[in-house]
N, C-alpha and C. Protein backbone atom coordinates (compact mmCIF):
# COMPACT_ATOMS: atom_id res chain seq x y z
N MET A 1 51.59 37.72 184.12
CA MET A 1 51.61 38.15 182.73
C MET A 1 50.39 37.54 182.02
N SER A 2 49.76 38.31 181.18
CA SER A 2 48.54 37.83 180.54
C SER A 2 48.83 36.76 179.49
N GLN A 3 47.80 36.03 179.17
CA GLN A 3 47.94 34.98 178.14
C GLN A 3 48.31 35.59 176.80
N LEU A 4 47.74 36.74 176.48
CA LEU A 4 48.06 37.40 175.21
C LEU A 4 49.52 37.80 175.17
N ARG A 5 50.02 38.33 176.27
CA ARG A 5 51.43 38.74 176.31
C ARG A 5 52.35 37.53 176.13
N HIS A 6 52.00 36.41 176.75
CA HIS A 6 52.77 35.17 176.56
C HIS A 6 52.73 34.75 175.10
N ALA A 7 51.56 34.84 174.47
CA ALA A 7 51.42 34.44 173.07
C ALA A 7 52.25 35.34 172.17
N VAL A 8 52.24 36.64 172.44
CA VAL A 8 53.05 37.57 171.64
C VAL A 8 54.53 37.28 171.83
N ASP A 9 54.94 37.06 173.07
CA ASP A 9 56.34 36.77 173.35
C ASP A 9 56.82 35.48 172.67
N ALA A 10 55.90 34.56 172.44
CA ALA A 10 56.26 33.28 171.82
C ALA A 10 56.41 33.35 170.30
N LEU A 11 55.96 34.45 169.71
CA LEU A 11 56.08 34.59 168.25
C LEU A 11 57.55 34.68 167.85
N PRO A 12 57.88 34.23 166.64
CA PRO A 12 59.24 34.48 166.13
C PRO A 12 59.50 35.98 166.11
N SER A 13 60.72 36.39 166.31
CA SER A 13 61.03 37.81 166.49
C SER A 13 60.58 38.67 165.32
N ASP A 14 60.71 38.19 164.09
CA ASP A 14 60.31 39.02 162.95
C ASP A 14 58.80 39.27 162.95
N GLU A 15 58.03 38.26 163.30
CA GLU A 15 56.57 38.41 163.38
C GLU A 15 56.19 39.26 164.58
N ARG A 16 56.85 39.04 165.72
CA ARG A 16 56.55 39.79 166.94
C ARG A 16 56.79 41.28 166.72
N LEU A 17 57.92 41.64 166.11
CA LEU A 17 58.21 43.05 165.86
C LEU A 17 57.18 43.68 164.94
N ALA A 18 56.79 42.98 163.90
CA ALA A 18 55.78 43.52 162.98
C ALA A 18 54.46 43.75 163.70
N VAL A 19 54.03 42.78 164.49
CA VAL A 19 52.76 42.90 165.23
C VAL A 19 52.84 44.05 166.23
N LEU A 20 53.93 44.15 166.96
CA LEU A 20 54.06 45.21 167.96
C LEU A 20 54.07 46.59 167.32
N LEU A 21 54.80 46.75 166.23
CA LEU A 21 54.88 48.06 165.60
C LEU A 21 53.54 48.51 165.03
N VAL A 22 52.83 47.60 164.37
CA VAL A 22 51.58 47.97 163.70
C VAL A 22 50.38 47.91 164.65
N CYS A 23 50.25 46.80 165.36
CA CYS A 23 49.04 46.58 166.16
C CYS A 23 49.09 47.24 167.53
N VAL A 24 50.26 47.37 168.10
CA VAL A 24 50.37 47.94 169.44
C VAL A 24 50.75 49.43 169.36
N LYS A 25 51.81 49.72 168.63
CA LYS A 25 52.27 51.11 168.52
C LYS A 25 51.43 51.93 167.54
N GLY A 26 50.71 51.26 166.65
CA GLY A 26 49.84 51.98 165.72
C GLY A 26 50.54 52.59 164.52
N LEU A 27 51.74 52.11 164.21
CA LEU A 27 52.44 52.64 163.04
C LEU A 27 51.77 52.17 161.75
N SER A 28 51.92 52.95 160.71
CA SER A 28 51.43 52.53 159.40
C SER A 28 52.30 51.39 158.88
N TYR A 29 51.76 50.64 157.94
CA TYR A 29 52.55 49.57 157.33
C TYR A 29 53.83 50.15 156.74
N ARG A 30 53.71 51.27 156.08
CA ARG A 30 54.88 51.88 155.43
C ARG A 30 55.96 52.24 156.46
N ASP A 31 55.57 52.86 157.56
CA ASP A 31 56.54 53.24 158.58
C ASP A 31 57.16 52.00 159.24
N ALA A 32 56.35 51.01 159.53
CA ALA A 32 56.87 49.79 160.14
C ALA A 32 57.83 49.08 159.19
N ALA A 33 57.49 49.03 157.92
CA ALA A 33 58.37 48.39 156.93
C ALA A 33 59.70 49.14 156.85
N ARG A 34 59.64 50.46 156.90
CA ARG A 34 60.86 51.26 156.85
C ARG A 34 61.73 50.98 158.08
N ILE A 35 61.13 50.93 159.25
CA ILE A 35 61.89 50.67 160.49
C ILE A 35 62.55 49.30 160.44
N LEU A 36 61.80 48.30 159.94
CA LEU A 36 62.32 46.94 159.88
C LEU A 36 63.19 46.69 158.65
N ASP A 37 63.24 47.68 157.76
CA ASP A 37 64.03 47.58 156.52
C ASP A 37 63.59 46.40 155.66
N VAL A 38 62.27 46.29 155.48
CA VAL A 38 61.70 45.25 154.62
C VAL A 38 60.67 45.90 153.70
N SER A 39 60.27 45.17 152.68
CA SER A 39 59.24 45.68 151.76
C SER A 39 57.87 45.59 152.42
N LEU A 40 56.91 46.30 151.86
CA LEU A 40 55.53 46.21 152.36
C LEU A 40 55.00 44.79 152.26
N ALA A 41 55.36 44.08 151.20
CA ALA A 41 54.90 42.70 151.03
C ALA A 41 55.43 41.80 152.15
N VAL A 42 56.69 41.97 152.51
CA VAL A 42 57.29 41.17 153.57
C VAL A 42 56.63 41.51 154.91
N LEU A 43 56.43 42.79 155.17
CA LEU A 43 55.77 43.19 156.40
C LEU A 43 54.37 42.61 156.48
N SER A 44 53.62 42.68 155.39
CA SER A 44 52.26 42.13 155.36
C SER A 44 52.25 40.64 155.64
N ALA A 45 53.20 39.92 155.08
CA ALA A 45 53.29 38.48 155.30
C ALA A 45 53.60 38.18 156.77
N ARG A 46 54.51 38.94 157.36
CA ARG A 46 54.86 38.74 158.77
C ARG A 46 53.66 39.03 159.67
N LEU A 47 52.93 40.09 159.36
CA LEU A 47 51.74 40.41 160.13
C LEU A 47 50.70 39.31 160.02
N LEU A 48 50.48 38.82 158.82
CA LEU A 48 49.49 37.76 158.63
C LEU A 48 49.87 36.52 159.43
N ARG A 49 51.13 36.08 159.30
CA ARG A 49 51.56 34.90 160.04
C ARG A 49 51.46 35.13 161.55
N GLY A 50 51.88 36.28 162.01
CA GLY A 50 51.82 36.58 163.43
C GLY A 50 50.40 36.61 163.96
N ARG A 51 49.52 37.27 163.23
CA ARG A 51 48.12 37.36 163.66
C ARG A 51 47.45 35.99 163.66
N LEU A 52 47.71 35.19 162.63
CA LEU A 52 47.11 33.85 162.58
C LEU A 52 47.62 32.98 163.74
N THR A 53 48.90 33.09 164.03
CA THR A 53 49.46 32.34 165.16
C THR A 53 48.81 32.79 166.47
N LEU A 54 48.66 34.11 166.66
CA LEU A 54 48.04 34.62 167.88
C LEU A 54 46.59 34.15 168.01
N ILE A 55 45.86 34.18 166.91
CA ILE A 55 44.47 33.72 166.93
C ILE A 55 44.40 32.26 167.35
N GLY A 56 45.25 31.43 166.76
CA GLY A 56 45.26 30.01 167.11
C GLY A 56 45.65 29.77 168.55
N THR A 57 46.67 30.49 169.01
CA THR A 57 47.13 30.32 170.38
C THR A 57 46.05 30.75 171.38
N MET A 58 45.44 31.89 171.13
CA MET A 58 44.42 32.38 172.05
C MET A 58 43.17 31.49 172.02
N ARG A 59 42.82 30.98 170.85
CA ARG A 59 41.67 30.07 170.75
C ARG A 59 41.92 28.83 171.60
N GLN A 60 43.11 28.26 171.49
CA GLN A 60 43.44 27.07 172.29
C GLN A 60 43.39 27.39 173.77
N SER A 61 43.92 28.53 174.14
CA SER A 61 43.93 28.93 175.53
C SER A 61 42.52 29.12 176.08
N LEU A 62 41.67 29.76 175.30
CA LEU A 62 40.29 29.97 175.73
C LEU A 62 39.53 28.65 175.84
N CYS A 63 39.78 27.74 174.91
CA CYS A 63 39.11 26.43 174.96
C CYS A 63 39.56 25.65 176.19
N ARG A 64 40.87 25.73 176.51
CA ARG A 64 41.37 25.04 177.71
C ARG A 64 40.73 25.64 178.96
N ASP A 65 40.65 26.97 179.00
CA ASP A 65 40.02 27.64 180.16
C ASP A 65 38.56 27.25 180.28
N ALA A 66 37.85 27.21 179.18
CA ALA A 66 36.43 26.87 179.20
C ALA A 66 36.21 25.42 179.62
N ALA A 67 37.08 24.54 179.17
CA ALA A 67 36.95 23.12 179.52
C ALA A 67 37.19 22.91 181.01
N GLY A 68 38.00 23.76 181.62
CA GLY A 68 38.29 23.64 183.04
C GLY A 68 37.30 24.38 183.92
N ASP A 69 36.39 25.11 183.32
CA ASP A 69 35.41 25.90 184.08
C ASP A 69 34.12 25.10 184.18
N SER A 70 33.81 24.61 185.34
CA SER A 70 32.63 23.76 185.52
C SER A 70 31.33 24.52 185.39
N ARG A 71 31.39 25.86 185.40
CA ARG A 71 30.15 26.65 185.26
C ARG A 71 29.65 26.66 183.82
N LEU A 72 30.49 26.25 182.85
CA LEU A 72 30.06 26.26 181.45
C LEU A 72 29.40 24.99 181.04
């Protein structure tokens, strides 16, 4: 399983669902909010938190990989 998939799986469920619906499935914010039964503001907040967490997790993972790669 890829590092990104592990990072997505580690997100809290509310953030993971928002990220999957919008970023993976390509739904509009409005449609994703309707499916999750939340306001657009709540969906936007969940997406922001989820994306920031993914960025941080992937950055750490890439830095660990680079530190272990003697070719760098």
